[in-house]
Amino acid sequence: WDEVDGLRILNCDPVANIVDSTAAGDSFGGAFVAHLVQGATIEDAAKAAMLVAREVIQYRGALVPEIFKGGE
């Protein structure tokens, strides 16, 4: 985390293979809320959500094949 003008900013490493940004925001939001509901801090929920969004943008479409196995 960095702090700029009183705001906390979560930094992440660049993604080398960006394929499609479809569903990146939805994936971030879903993961963020899911982690909060499970008791995570805002900081930990944001970190987890960032990792999910980083995976999603490396694939075409809204689903990451390794995560989504269909029907699970």
C-alpha atoms as a PDB file:
ATOM      1  CA  TRP A   1       0.000   0.000   0.000  1.00  0.00           C
ATOM      2  CA  ASP A   2       1.026   3.589  -0.663  1.00  0.00           C
ATOM      3  CA  GLU A   3      -0.532   6.711   0.741  1.00  0.00           C
ATOM      4  CA  VAL A   4      -1.037   9.752  -1.469  1.00  0.00           C
ATOM      5  CA  ASP A   5      -2.889  12.856  -0.297  1.00  0.00           C
ATOM      6  CA  GLY A   6      -4.463  10.872   2.524  1.00  0.00           C
ATOM      7  CA  LEU A   7      -5.669   8.073   0.224  1.00  0.00           C
ATOM      8  CA  ARG A   8      -4.401   4.503   0.523  1.00  0.00           C
ATOM      9  CA  ILE A   9      -3.487   3.054  -2.859  1.00  0.00           C
ATOM     10  CA  LEU A  10      -3.054  -0.657  -3.548  1.00  0.00           C
ATOM     11  CA  ASN A  11      -0.216  -1.225  -5.984  1.00  0.00           C
ATOM     12  CA  CYS A  12       0.163  -4.354  -8.044  1.00  0.00           C
ATOM     13  CA  ASP A  13       2.741  -5.719 -10.417  1.00  0.00           C
ATOM     14  CA  PRO A  14       2.037  -5.167 -14.116  1.00  0.00           C
ATOM     15  CA  VAL A  15       0.321  -7.969 -16.003  1.00  0.00           C
ATOM     16  CA  ALA A  16       2.397  -9.001 -19.007  1.00  0.00           C
ATOM     17  CA  ASN A  17      -0.349 -10.783 -20.924  1.00  0.00           C
ATOM     18  CA  ILE A  18      -3.513  -8.653 -20.925  1.00  0.00           C
ATOM     19  CA  VAL A  19      -5.994 -10.291 -23.299  1.00  0.00           C
ATOM     20  CA  ASP A  20      -9.452  -8.910 -22.479  1.00  0.00           C
ATOM     21  CA  SER A  21     -10.766  -6.618 -19.745  1.00  0.00           C
ATOM     22  CA  THR A  22     -14.290  -8.070 -19.930  1.00  0.00           C
ATOM     23  CA  ALA A  23     -15.604  -8.704 -16.398  1.00  0.00           C
ATOM     24  CA  ALA A  24     -12.478  -7.414 -14.639  1.00  0.00           C
ATOM     25  CA  GLY A  25     -14.482  -4.908 -12.608  1.00  0.00           C
ATOM     26  CA  ASP A  26     -17.285  -7.349 -11.854  1.00  0.00           C
ATOM     27  CA  SER A  27     -14.757  -9.973 -10.801  1.00  0.00           C
ATOM     28  CA  PHE A  28     -12.997  -7.481  -8.551  1.00  0.00           C
ATOM     29  CA  GLY A  29     -16.293  -6.400  -6.982  1.00  0.00           C
ATOM     30  CA  GLY A  30     -17.529  -9.940  -6.446  1.00  0.00           C
ATOM     31  CA  ALA A  31     -14.283 -11.114  -4.884  1.00  0.00           C
ATOM     32  CA  PHE A  32     -14.075  -7.991  -2.715  1.00  0.00           C
ATOM     33  CA  VAL A  33     -17.579  -8.428  -1.295  1.00  0.00           C
ATOM     34  CA  ALA A  34     -17.147 -12.198  -0.885  1.00  0.00           C
ATOM     35  CA  HIS A  35     -14.016 -11.677   1.191  1.00  0.00           C
ATOM     36  CA  LEU A  36     -15.644  -8.950   3.307  1.00  0.00           C
ATOM     37  CA  VAL A  37     -18.618 -11.216   4.037  1.00  0.00           C
ATOM     38  CA  GLN A  38     -16.178 -13.906   5.153  1.00  0.00           C
ATOM     39  CA  GLY A  39     -14.635 -11.471   7.644  1.00  0.00           C
ATOM     40  CA  ALA A  40     -11.618 -10.134   5.743  1.00  0.00           C
ATOM     41  CA  THR A  41     -10.373  -6.616   6.377  1.00  0.00           C
ATOM     42  CA  ILE A  42     -10.902  -4.050   3.637  1.00  0.00           C
ATOM     43  CA  GLU A  43      -7.194  -4.236   2.836  1.00  0.00           C
ATOM     44  CA  ASP A  44      -7.144  -8.028   2.579  1.00  0.00           C
ATOM     45  CA  ALA A  45     -10.375  -8.076   0.559  1.00  0.00           C
ATOM     46  CA  ALA A  46      -8.916  -5.533  -1.870  1.00  0.00           C
ATOM     47  CA  LYS A  47      -5.719  -7.571  -2.278  1.00  0.00           C
ATOM     48  CA  ALA A  48      -7.671 -10.762  -2.954  1.00  0.00           C
ATOM     49  CA  ALA A  49      -9.992  -8.991  -5.388  1.00  0.00           C
ATOM     50  CA  MET A  50      -7.021  -7.528  -7.241  1.00  0.00           C
ATOM     51  CA  LEU A  51      -5.561 -11.006  -7.683  1.00  0.00           C
ATOM     52  CA  VAL A  52      -8.841 -12.293  -9.133  1.00  0.00           C
ATOM     53  CA  ALA A  53      -9.114  -9.362 -11.554  1.00  0.00           C
ATOM     54  CA  ARG A  54      -5.471  -9.882 -12.598  1.00  0.00           C
ATOM     55  CA  GLU A  55      -6.319 -13.462 -13.590  1.00  0.00           C
ATOM     56  CA  VAL A  56      -9.519 -12.540 -15.433  1.00  0.00           C
ATOM     57  CA  ILE A  57      -7.812 -10.027 -17.749  1.00  0.00           C
ATOM     58  CA  GLN A  58      -5.403 -12.696 -18.971  1.00  0.00           C
ATOM     59  CA  TYR A  59      -8.178 -14.659 -20.723  1.00  0.00           C
ATOM     60  CA  ARG A  60     -10.753 -13.905 -23.403  1.00  0.00           C
ATOM     61  CA  GLY A  61     -14.245 -13.509 -22.002  1.00  0.00           C
ATOM     62  CA  ALA A  62     -15.510 -13.379 -18.461  1.00  0.00           C
ATOM     63  CA  LEU A  63     -14.318 -16.721 -17.069  1.00  0.00           C
ATOM     64  CA  VAL A  64     -10.883 -18.041 -16.170  1.00  0.00           C
ATOM     65  CA  PRO A  65     -10.760 -21.690 -17.312  1.00  0.00           C
ATOM     66  CA  GLU A  66      -8.611 -22.844 -14.377  1.00  0.00           C
ATOM     67  CA  ILE A  67     -10.998 -21.315 -11.840  1.00  0.00           C
ATOM     68  CA  PHE A  68     -14.393 -22.015 -13.439  1.00  0.00           C
ATOM     69  CA  LYS A  69     -15.056 -25.689 -14.054  1.00  0.00           C
ATOM     70  CA  GLY A  70     -18.704 -25.270 -15.102  1.00  0.00           C
ATOM     71  CA  GLY A  71     -21.455 -26.274 -12.719  1.00  0.00           C
ATOM     72  CA  GLU A  72     -19.251 -26.067  -9.651  1.00  0.00           C
END
